């Protein structure tokens, strides 16, 4: 993708950061650690594997914004609830040391008063397909750099699904990973 075409993607991520600072977030993240909770190594590994970024400068810009989102998560702010699947915790794209650092970072995030970090057990009876976020009365699908906003009419379905996932989840603990 040409450099000029990634500017809107970065602008969208910056807007997403502003939303995260301003309003509560509920997210189900089955495949990867949520963007704001990623270490720099995880963010870089995901961005480098994305077909959206075609140059190292694009990857670095995306990682910088992701780390801004991480710093915002570490600051006191609106309530954030993340439900992860075990698959998100066992990614093989990082080496052992970087994976350990990511899990240590999740321990730190789980201890924050404004964050509820949870894991959906493999034995969960709740059926799910893709990750999503709920914010400001809208369901959102977050990809490597894009956010797809679904309609307000979709909110009741995703809200009910999130609460079923939340009810079936357990608090995050390092020994779950």
N, C-alpha and C. Protein backbone atom coordinates (compact mmCIF):
# COMPACT_ATOMS: atom_id res chain seq x y z
N UNK A 1 0.85 -1.16 0.00
CA UNK A 1 0.00 0.00 0.00
C UNK A 1 0.91 1.24 0.00
N UNK A 2 0.68 2.19 -0.87
CA UNK A 2 1.50 3.40 -0.89
C UNK A 2 1.43 4.14 0.43
N UNK A 3 2.53 4.84 0.75
CA UNK A 3 2.60 5.60 2.01
C UNK A 3 1.39 6.51 2.18
N UNK A 4 0.96 7.18 1.11
CA UNK A 4 -0.14 8.14 1.22
C UNK A 4 -1.46 7.48 1.60
N UNK A 5 -1.61 6.20 1.31
CA UNK A 5 -2.85 5.51 1.64
C UNK A 5 -2.89 5.04 3.09
N UNK A 6 -1.76 4.99 3.75
CA UNK A 6 -1.77 4.55 5.16
C UNK A 6 -2.09 5.70 6.10
N UNK A 7 -1.98 6.94 5.67
CA UNK A 7 -2.28 8.09 6.53
C UNK A 7 -3.69 8.01 7.11
N UNK A 8 -4.74 7.69 6.31
CA UNK A 8 -6.07 7.56 6.91
C UNK A 8 -6.15 6.44 7.93
N UNK A 9 -5.40 5.36 7.71
CA UNK A 9 -5.42 4.26 8.67
C UNK A 9 -4.82 4.69 10.00
N UNK A 10 -3.73 5.43 9.96
CA UNK A 10 -3.10 5.93 11.18
C UNK A 10 -4.03 6.94 11.86
N UNK A 11 -4.65 7.81 11.06
CA UNK A 11 -5.59 8.78 11.63
C UNK A 11 -6.74 8.07 12.34
N UNK A 12 -7.20 6.97 11.76
CA UNK A 12 -8.27 6.20 12.38
C UNK A 12 -7.81 5.61 13.71
N UNK A 13 -6.58 5.13 13.78
CA UNK A 13 -6.04 4.59 15.02
C UNK A 13 -5.90 5.68 16.08
N UNK A 14 -5.53 6.89 15.67
CA UNK A 14 -5.42 8.01 16.61
C UNK A 14 -6.80 8.38 17.14
N UNK A 15 -7.80 8.35 16.27
CA UNK A 15 -9.18 8.60 16.70
C UNK A 15 -9.62 7.51 17.68
N UNK A 16 -9.26 6.26 17.39
CA UNK A 16 -9.58 5.14 18.26
C UNK A 16 -8.96 5.35 19.64
N UNK A 17 -7.73 5.85 19.68
CA UNK A 17 -7.05 6.16 20.94
C UNK A 17 -7.85 7.19 21.73
N UNK A 18 -8.32 8.24 21.06
CA UNK A 18 -9.12 9.27 21.74
C UNK A 18 -10.40 8.67 22.32
N UNK A 19 -11.03 7.77 21.59
CA UNK A 19 -12.23 7.10 22.10
C UNK A 19 -11.92 6.26 23.33
N UNK A 20 -10.80 5.54 23.28
CA UNK A 20 -10.42 4.70 24.41
C UNK A 20 -10.18 5.52 25.67
N UNK A 21 -9.65 6.72 25.49
CA UNK A 21 -9.40 7.59 26.65
C UNK A 21 -10.70 8.18 27.20
N UNK A 22 -11.73 8.27 26.36
CA UNK A 22 -12.93 9.00 26.74
C UNK A 22 -14.11 8.14 27.20
N UNK A 23 -14.16 6.89 26.77
CA UNK A 23 -15.37 6.12 27.08
C UNK A 23 -15.05 4.66 27.39
N UNK A 24 -15.94 4.01 28.13
CA UNK A 24 -15.73 2.60 28.48
C UNK A 24 -15.65 1.72 27.23
N UNK A 25 -14.94 0.62 27.37
CA UNK A 25 -14.78 -0.34 26.28
C UNK A 25 -15.03 -1.74 26.81
N UNK A 26 -15.76 -2.52 26.04
CA UNK A 26 -15.90 -3.94 26.29
C UNK A 26 -15.44 -4.63 25.02
N UNK A 27 -14.56 -5.62 25.14
CA UNK A 27 -14.02 -6.26 23.94
C UNK A 27 -13.85 -7.75 24.15
N UNK A 28 -14.19 -8.49 23.10
CA UNK A 28 -13.91 -9.91 23.04
C UNK A 28 -12.81 -10.10 22.02
N UNK A 29 -11.69 -10.68 22.46
CA UNK A 29 -10.49 -10.81 21.63
C UNK A 29 -10.08 -12.28 21.56
N UNK A 30 -10.61 -13.02 20.59
CA UNK A 30 -10.32 -14.45 20.55
C UNK A 30 -8.98 -14.82 19.93
N UNK A 31 -8.46 -13.99 19.03
CA UNK A 31 -7.26 -14.39 18.29
C UNK A 31 -5.97 -13.76 18.72
N UNK A 32 -6.02 -12.55 19.21
CA UNK A 32 -4.80 -11.84 19.60
C UNK A 32 -5.06 -11.02 20.86
N UNK A 33 -3.99 -10.65 21.51
CA UNK A 33 -4.06 -9.73 22.64
C UNK A 33 -4.63 -8.41 22.12
N UNK A 34 -5.55 -7.77 22.84
CA UNK A 34 -6.09 -6.50 22.35
C UNK A 34 -4.99 -5.46 22.15
N UNK A 35 -5.14 -4.64 21.12
CA UNK A 35 -4.13 -3.65 20.75
C UNK A 35 -3.57 -2.85 21.92
N UNK A 36 -4.43 -2.27 22.76
CA UNK A 36 -3.90 -1.46 23.87
C UNK A 36 -3.10 -2.26 24.89
N UNK A 37 -3.27 -3.58 24.92
CA UNK A 37 -2.58 -4.42 25.90
C UNK A 37 -1.33 -5.09 25.34
N UNK A 38 -1.00 -4.80 24.09
CA UNK A 38 0.17 -5.44 23.47
C UNK A 38 1.47 -4.76 23.87
N UNK A 39 2.50 -5.56 24.02
CA UNK A 39 3.84 -5.01 24.17
C UNK A 39 4.31 -4.53 22.80
N UNK A 40 5.39 -3.80 22.79
CA UNK A 40 5.92 -3.33 21.51
C UNK A 40 6.32 -4.50 20.62
N UNK A 41 6.88 -5.54 21.20
CA UNK A 41 7.29 -6.70 20.41
C UNK A 41 6.08 -7.37 19.76
N UNK A 42 4.99 -7.51 20.49
CA UNK A 42 3.78 -8.12 19.94
C UNK A 42 3.19 -7.24 18.84
N UNK A 43 3.09 -5.94 19.12
CA UNK A 43 2.54 -5.02 18.12
C UNK A 43 3.37 -5.06 16.83
N UNK A 44 4.68 -5.04 16.98
CA UNK A 44 5.56 -5.07 15.80
C UNK A 44 5.39 -6.37 15.03
N UNK A 45 5.35 -7.49 15.74
CA UNK A 45 5.20 -8.79 15.07
C UNK A 45 3.89 -8.85 14.29
N UNK A 46 2.81 -8.37 14.87
CA UNK A 46 1.52 -8.38 14.19
C UNK A 46 1.52 -7.43 12.98
N UNK A 47 2.06 -6.25 13.16
CA UNK A 47 2.08 -5.27 12.06
C UNK A 47 2.98 -5.74 10.92
N UNK A 48 4.09 -6.37 11.25
CA UNK A 48 4.99 -6.87 10.20
C UNK A 48 4.34 -7.99 9.39
N UNK A 49 3.44 -8.72 10.00
CA UNK A 49 2.77 -9.82 9.31
C UNK A 49 1.51 -9.37 8.58
N UNK A 50 1.10 -8.14 8.79
CA UNK A 50 -0.10 -7.61 8.16
C UNK A 50 0.18 -7.24 6.70
N UNK A 51 -0.78 -7.52 5.84
CA UNK A 51 -0.62 -7.13 4.44
C UNK A 51 -0.90 -5.65 4.23
N UNK A 52 -1.37 -4.97 5.25
CA UNK A 52 -1.69 -3.54 5.14
C UNK A 52 -0.43 -2.70 5.07
N UNK A 53 0.58 -3.06 5.84
CA UNK A 53 1.82 -2.27 5.89
C UNK A 53 2.85 -2.89 4.97
N UNK A 54 3.33 -2.11 4.04
CA UNK A 54 4.26 -2.65 3.05
C UNK A 54 5.66 -2.08 3.18
N UNK A 55 5.88 -1.21 4.15
CA UNK A 55 7.23 -0.69 4.36
C UNK A 55 7.51 -0.67 5.86
N UNK A 56 8.79 -0.65 6.20
CA UNK A 56 9.16 -0.62 7.61
C UNK A 56 8.71 0.69 8.26
N UNK A 57 8.70 1.79 7.53
CA UNK A 57 8.25 3.06 8.11
C UNK A 57 6.76 3.00 8.46
N UNK A 58 5.95 2.30 7.65
CA UNK A 58 4.54 2.13 7.97
C UNK A 58 4.37 1.28 9.23
N UNK A 59 5.16 0.22 9.32
CA UNK A 59 5.11 -0.64 10.51
C UNK A 59 5.47 0.18 11.74
N UNK A 60 6.54 0.97 11.66
CA UNK A 60 6.97 1.75 12.82
C UNK A 60 5.92 2.78 13.24
N UNK A 61 5.27 3.39 12.27
CA UNK A 61 4.23 4.37 12.59
C UNK A 61 3.04 3.68 13.27
N UNK A 62 2.67 2.52 12.77
CA UNK A 62 1.57 1.76 13.38
C UNK A 62 1.93 1.31 14.80
N UNK A 63 3.14 0.85 14.99
CA UNK A 63 3.58 0.41 16.32
C UNK A 63 3.59 1.59 17.29
N UNK A 64 4.01 2.76 16.83
CA UNK A 64 4.03 3.96 17.68
C UNK A 64 2.62 4.29 18.18
N UNK A 65 1.65 4.26 17.28
CA UNK A 65 0.28 4.54 17.69
C UNK A 65 -0.22 3.46 18.65
N UNK A 66 0.11 2.21 18.39
CA UNK A 66 -0.30 1.12 19.28
C UNK A 66 0.29 1.33 20.66
N UNK A 67 1.53 1.79 20.74
CA UNK A 67 2.15 2.03 22.05
C UNK A 67 1.52 3.24 22.74
N UNK A 68 1.06 4.22 21.98
CA UNK A 68 0.30 5.33 22.57
C UNK A 68 -0.98 4.79 23.21
N UNK A 69 -1.63 3.85 22.52
CA UNK A 69 -2.84 3.23 23.06
C UNK A 69 -2.50 2.43 24.33
N UNK A 70 -1.34 1.80 24.36
CA UNK A 70 -0.90 1.05 25.52
C UNK A 70 -0.69 2.00 26.72
N UNK A 71 -0.01 3.11 26.47
CA UNK A 71 0.21 4.07 27.57
C UNK A 71 -1.11 4.60 28.10
N UNK A 72 -2.08 4.84 27.21
CA UNK A 72 -3.39 5.32 27.64
C UNK A 72 -4.10 4.29 28.51
N UNK A 73 -3.93 3.01 28.18
CA UNK A 73 -4.54 1.96 28.98
C UNK A 73 -3.95 1.93 30.39
N UNK A 74 -2.67 2.21 30.51
CA UNK A 74 -2.01 2.17 31.81
C UNK A 74 -2.39 3.35 32.71
N UNK A 75 -2.92 4.41 32.11
CA UNK A 75 -3.36 5.58 32.89
C UNK A 75 -4.77 5.32 33.42
N UNK A 76 -5.10 5.91 34.59
CA UNK A 76 -6.48 5.77 35.06
C UNK A 76 -7.43 6.31 33.99
N UNK A 77 -8.55 5.64 33.81
CA UNK A 77 -9.49 6.07 32.78
C UNK A 77 -10.78 5.29 32.87
N UNK A 78 -11.55 5.34 31.80
CA UNK A 78 -12.83 4.63 31.79
C UNK A 78 -12.64 3.13 31.95
N UNK A 79 -13.67 2.47 32.41
CA UNK A 79 -13.64 1.01 32.61
C UNK A 79 -13.42 0.31 31.27
N UNK A 80 -12.54 -0.69 31.31
CA UNK A 80 -12.28 -1.50 30.13
C UNK A 80 -12.37 -2.96 30.53
N UNK A 81 -13.15 -3.69 29.80
CA UNK A 81 -13.33 -5.12 30.05
C UNK A 81 -12.89 -5.86 28.80
N UNK A 82 -11.91 -6.74 28.96
CA UNK A 82 -11.40 -7.54 27.85
C UNK A 82 -11.61 -9.02 28.18
N UNK A 83 -12.25 -9.73 27.28
CA UNK A 83 -12.38 -11.18 27.40
C UNK A 83 -11.52 -11.78 26.29
N UNK A 84 -10.55 -12.58 26.68
CA UNK A 84 -9.63 -13.21 25.73
C UNK A 84 -9.93 -14.70 25.64
N UNK A 85 -9.58 -15.29 24.52
CA UNK A 85 -9.63 -16.76 24.45
C UNK A 85 -8.22 -17.26 24.77
N UNK A 86 -8.10 -18.53 25.13
CA UNK A 86 -6.76 -19.07 25.37
C UNK A 86 -5.86 -18.95 24.14
N UNK A 87 -6.45 -18.99 22.95
CA UNK A 87 -5.67 -18.85 21.72
C UNK A 87 -4.92 -17.51 21.68
N UNK A 88 -5.55 -16.45 22.17
CA UNK A 88 -4.90 -15.14 22.18
C UNK A 88 -3.67 -15.14 23.09
N UNK A 89 -3.70 -15.99 24.10
CA UNK A 89 -2.60 -16.03 25.08
C UNK A 89 -1.45 -16.94 24.66
N UNK A 90 -1.65 -17.73 23.64
CA UNK A 90 -0.63 -18.71 23.27
C UNK A 90 -0.05 -18.47 21.88
N UNK A 91 -0.06 -17.25 21.44
CA UNK A 91 0.47 -16.91 20.12
C UNK A 91 1.91 -17.39 19.97
N UNK A 92 2.22 -17.92 18.81
CA UNK A 92 3.58 -18.41 18.56
C UNK A 92 4.40 -17.45 17.70
N UNK A 93 3.92 -16.21 17.52
CA UNK A 93 4.68 -15.28 16.69
C UNK A 93 5.83 -14.62 17.44
N UNK A 94 5.88 -14.82 18.74
CA UNK A 94 6.95 -14.24 19.55
C UNK A 94 7.89 -15.34 20.03
N UNK A 95 9.15 -14.98 20.23
CA UNK A 95 10.06 -15.95 20.83
C UNK A 95 9.72 -16.07 22.32
N UNK A 96 10.33 -17.01 22.98
CA UNK A 96 9.99 -17.31 24.39
C UNK A 96 10.12 -16.08 25.30
N UNK A 97 11.20 -15.33 25.18
CA UNK A 97 11.42 -14.16 26.04
C UNK A 97 10.37 -13.07 25.78
N UNK A 98 10.07 -12.82 24.52
CA UNK A 98 9.08 -11.79 24.18
C UNK A 98 7.68 -12.23 24.61
N UNK A 99 7.40 -13.51 24.50
CA UNK A 99 6.10 -14.01 24.95
C UNK A 99 5.98 -13.86 26.47
N UNK A 100 7.05 -14.18 27.19
CA UNK A 100 7.04 -14.02 28.65
C UNK A 100 6.83 -12.54 29.01
N UNK A 101 7.50 -11.64 28.28
CA UNK A 101 7.33 -10.21 28.54
C UNK A 101 5.88 -9.78 28.28
N UNK A 102 5.25 -10.34 27.24
CA UNK A 102 3.84 -10.02 26.96
C UNK A 102 2.95 -10.50 28.09
N UNK A 103 3.18 -11.70 28.58
CA UNK A 103 2.37 -12.22 29.69
C UNK A 103 2.61 -11.43 30.98
N UNK A 104 3.84 -11.02 31.22
CA UNK A 104 4.13 -10.17 32.39
C UNK A 104 3.40 -8.84 32.27
N UNK A 105 3.34 -8.31 31.05
CA UNK A 105 2.63 -7.06 30.81
C UNK A 105 1.13 -7.24 31.09
N UNK A 106 0.58 -8.38 30.70
CA UNK A 106 -0.83 -8.65 30.99
C UNK A 106 -1.08 -8.75 32.49
N UNK A 107 -0.12 -9.30 33.24
CA UNK A 107 -0.23 -9.34 34.71
C UNK A 107 -0.38 -7.92 35.26
N UNK A 108 0.43 -7.02 34.74
CA UNK A 108 0.40 -5.61 35.17
C UNK A 108 -0.95 -4.98 34.82
N UNK A 109 -1.44 -5.24 33.63
CA UNK A 109 -2.72 -4.68 33.19
C UNK A 109 -3.87 -5.25 34.02
N UNK A 110 -3.83 -6.54 34.31
CA UNK A 110 -4.89 -7.18 35.09
C UNK A 110 -5.00 -6.59 36.49
N UNK A 111 -3.93 -6.02 37.00
CA UNK A 111 -3.93 -5.43 38.34
C UNK A 111 -4.50 -4.01 38.37
N UNK A 112 -4.74 -3.41 37.22
CA UNK A 112 -5.26 -2.04 37.17
C UNK A 112 -6.72 -2.01 37.61
N UNK A 113 -7.08 -1.00 38.39
CA UNK A 113 -8.44 -0.89 38.90
C UNK A 113 -9.49 -0.69 37.81
N UNK A 114 -9.12 -0.04 36.72
CA UNK A 114 -10.09 0.28 35.67
C UNK A 114 -10.12 -0.76 34.54
N UNK A 115 -9.38 -1.87 34.72
CA UNK A 115 -9.34 -2.92 33.71
C UNK A 115 -9.80 -4.24 34.32
N UNK A 116 -10.71 -4.91 33.63
CA UNK A 116 -11.13 -6.25 34.00
C UNK A 116 -10.68 -7.16 32.86
N UNK A 117 -9.61 -7.90 33.09
CA UNK A 117 -9.03 -8.79 32.08
C UNK A 117 -9.47 -10.21 32.40
N UNK A 118 -10.11 -10.87 31.42
CA UNK A 118 -10.71 -12.17 31.66
C UNK A 118 -10.34 -13.13 30.55
N UNK A 119 -10.51 -14.43 30.82
CA UNK A 119 -10.22 -15.47 29.83
C UNK A 119 -11.43 -16.40 29.75
N UNK A 120 -11.79 -16.71 28.52
CA UNK A 120 -12.88 -17.65 28.26
C UNK A 120 -12.28 -19.06 28.23
N UNK A 121 -12.65 -19.93 29.14
CA UNK A 121 -12.06 -21.27 29.15
C UNK A 121 -12.39 -22.04 27.87
N UNK A 122 -11.52 -22.97 27.52
CA UNK A 122 -11.76 -23.81 26.35
C UNK A 122 -13.07 -24.58 26.48
N UNK A 123 -13.46 -24.87 27.68
CA UNK A 123 -14.68 -25.64 27.93
C UNK A 123 -15.94 -24.78 27.91
N UNK A 124 -15.83 -23.52 27.55
CA UNK A 124 -16.98 -22.62 27.56
C UNK A 124 -18.09 -23.13 26.64
N UNK A 125 -19.32 -23.07 27.09
CA UNK A 125 -20.44 -23.48 26.24
C UNK A 125 -20.89 -22.38 25.27
N UNK A 126 -20.32 -21.19 25.38
CA UNK A 126 -20.73 -20.06 24.54
C UNK A 126 -20.04 -20.17 23.18
N UNK A 127 -20.82 -20.11 22.14
CA UNK A 127 -20.30 -20.16 20.77
C UNK A 127 -19.93 -18.75 20.33
N UNK A 128 -18.78 -18.64 19.68
CA UNK A 128 -18.34 -17.33 19.18
C UNK A 128 -17.64 -17.52 17.84
N UNK A 129 -17.54 -16.42 17.10
CA UNK A 129 -16.87 -16.51 15.81
C UNK A 129 -15.73 -15.51 15.69
N UNK A 130 -16.01 -14.25 15.86
CA UNK A 130 -14.98 -13.23 15.66
C UNK A 130 -14.93 -12.28 16.83
N UNK A 131 -13.82 -11.58 16.94
CA UNK A 131 -13.69 -10.60 18.00
C UNK A 131 -14.47 -9.34 17.68
N UNK A 132 -14.80 -8.59 18.73
CA UNK A 132 -15.55 -7.34 18.55
C UNK A 132 -15.38 -6.47 19.78
N UNK A 133 -15.73 -5.19 19.62
CA UNK A 133 -15.72 -4.24 20.73
C UNK A 133 -17.09 -3.61 20.83
N UNK A 134 -17.43 -3.17 22.02
CA UNK A 134 -18.64 -2.39 22.24
C UNK A 134 -18.22 -1.06 22.84
N UNK A 135 -18.60 -0.01 22.15
CA UNK A 135 -18.24 1.32 22.65
C UNK A 135 -19.26 2.32 22.12
N UNK A 136 -19.76 3.16 22.99
CA UNK A 136 -20.65 4.24 22.61
C UNK A 136 -21.89 3.73 21.88
N UNK A 137 -22.43 2.60 22.35
CA UNK A 137 -23.65 2.07 21.77
C UNK A 137 -23.50 1.45 20.39
N UNK A 138 -22.26 1.15 20.00
CA UNK A 138 -22.02 0.55 18.68
C UNK A 138 -21.07 -0.63 18.81
N UNK A 139 -21.35 -1.69 18.06
CA UNK A 139 -20.37 -2.76 17.96
C UNK A 139 -19.34 -2.41 16.89
N UNK A 140 -18.09 -2.77 17.16
CA UNK A 140 -16.99 -2.48 16.26
C UNK A 140 -16.17 -3.75 16.05
N UNK A 141 -15.63 -3.90 14.86
CA UNK A 141 -14.70 -4.98 14.57
C UNK A 141 -13.36 -4.31 14.32
N UNK A 142 -12.33 -4.68 15.11
CA UNK A 142 -11.01 -4.07 14.95
C UNK A 142 -10.08 -5.05 14.25
N UNK A 143 -9.53 -4.60 13.13
CA UNK A 143 -8.54 -5.38 12.41
C UNK A 143 -7.15 -4.85 12.70
N UNK A 144 -6.15 -5.23 11.92
CA UNK A 144 -4.79 -4.78 12.18
C UNK A 144 -4.64 -3.26 12.20
N UNK A 145 -5.44 -2.56 11.43
CA UNK A 145 -5.37 -1.10 11.41
C UNK A 145 -6.69 -0.44 11.12
N UNK A 146 -7.70 -1.20 10.88
CA UNK A 146 -9.00 -0.63 10.53
C UNK A 146 -10.01 -1.01 11.60
N UNK A 147 -10.96 -0.14 11.74
CA UNK A 147 -12.08 -0.39 12.62
C UNK A 147 -13.34 -0.35 11.76
N UNK A 148 -14.11 -1.40 11.80
CA UNK A 148 -15.36 -1.46 11.06
C UNK A 148 -16.48 -1.23 12.06
N UNK A 149 -17.24 -0.16 11.85
CA UNK A 149 -18.35 0.14 12.74
C UNK A 149 -19.61 -0.49 12.19
N UNK A 150 -20.24 -1.31 13.00
CA UNK A 150 -21.51 -1.90 12.62
C UNK A 150 -22.62 -0.95 13.04
N UNK A 151 -23.81 -1.21 12.60
CA UNK A 151 -24.93 -0.32 12.90
C UNK A 151 -25.41 -0.42 14.33
N UNK A 152 -26.06 0.63 14.79
CA UNK A 152 -26.62 0.64 16.13
C UNK A 152 -27.63 -0.49 16.31
N UNK A 153 -28.30 -0.87 15.23
CA UNK A 153 -29.29 -1.96 15.32
C UNK A 153 -28.63 -3.31 15.64
N UNK A 154 -27.30 -3.41 15.40
CA UNK A 154 -26.58 -4.64 15.72
C UNK A 154 -26.17 -4.71 17.19
N UNK A 155 -26.25 -3.60 17.90
CA UNK A 155 -25.77 -3.52 19.27
C UNK A 155 -26.42 -4.55 20.20
N UNK A 156 -27.75 -4.68 20.22
CA UNK A 156 -28.36 -5.63 21.18
C UNK A 156 -27.81 -7.05 21.05
N UNK A 157 -27.59 -7.51 19.81
CA UNK A 157 -27.05 -8.85 19.61
C UNK A 157 -25.65 -8.97 20.21
N UNK A 158 -24.77 -8.02 19.86
CA UNK A 158 -23.39 -8.08 20.35
C UNK A 158 -23.30 -7.84 21.85
N UNK A 159 -24.17 -6.99 22.38
CA UNK A 159 -24.18 -6.75 23.82
C UNK A 159 -24.57 -8.03 24.56
N UNK A 160 -25.60 -8.71 24.07
CA UNK A 160 -26.03 -9.96 24.71
C UNK A 160 -24.92 -11.02 24.60
N UNK A 161 -24.29 -11.12 23.42
CA UNK A 161 -23.20 -12.08 23.25
C UNK A 161 -22.05 -11.75 24.19
N UNK A 162 -21.69 -10.48 24.29
CA UNK A 162 -20.58 -10.11 25.18
C UNK A 162 -20.89 -10.53 26.61
N UNK A 163 -22.10 -10.29 27.06
CA UNK A 163 -22.44 -10.63 28.44
C UNK A 163 -22.47 -12.15 28.67
N UNK A 164 -22.82 -12.92 27.64
CA UNK A 164 -22.72 -14.38 27.76
C UNK A 164 -21.24 -14.79 27.86
N UNK A 165 -20.40 -14.19 27.02
CA UNK A 165 -18.96 -14.49 27.06
C UNK A 165 -18.37 -14.08 28.41
N UNK A 166 -18.75 -12.91 28.88
CA UNK A 166 -18.25 -12.41 30.16
C UNK A 166 -18.66 -13.34 31.30
N UNK A 167 -19.91 -13.78 31.29
CA UNK A 167 -20.40 -14.68 32.35
C UNK A 167 -19.66 -16.02 32.34
N UNK A 168 -19.25 -16.47 31.17
CA UNK A 168 -18.56 -17.76 31.06
C UNK A 168 -17.06 -17.65 31.31
N UNK A 169 -16.54 -16.42 31.40
CA UNK A 169 -15.09 -16.22 31.54
C UNK A 169 -14.66 -16.23 33.00
N UNK A 170 -13.35 -16.33 33.18
CA UNK A 170 -12.75 -16.29 34.51
C UNK A 170 -11.72 -15.17 34.55
N UNK A 171 -11.44 -14.64 35.74
CA UNK A 171 -10.41 -13.59 35.80
C UNK A 171 -9.07 -14.08 35.27
N UNK A 172 -8.36 -13.20 34.56
CA UNK A 172 -7.05 -13.54 34.03
C UNK A 172 -6.09 -13.84 35.18
N UNK A 173 -5.30 -14.87 34.98
CA UNK A 173 -4.20 -15.20 35.89
C UNK A 173 -3.08 -15.74 35.03
N UNK A 174 -1.86 -15.42 35.40
CA UNK A 174 -0.70 -15.84 34.60
C UNK A 174 -0.68 -17.33 34.33
N UNK A 175 -1.19 -18.12 35.27
CA UNK A 175 -1.13 -19.56 35.06
C UNK A 175 -2.17 -20.08 34.07
N UNK A 176 -3.05 -19.20 33.60
CA UNK A 176 -3.99 -19.58 32.53
C UNK A 176 -3.31 -19.57 31.17
N UNK A 177 -2.23 -18.83 31.04
CA UNK A 177 -1.58 -18.65 29.73
C UNK A 177 -0.67 -19.81 29.41
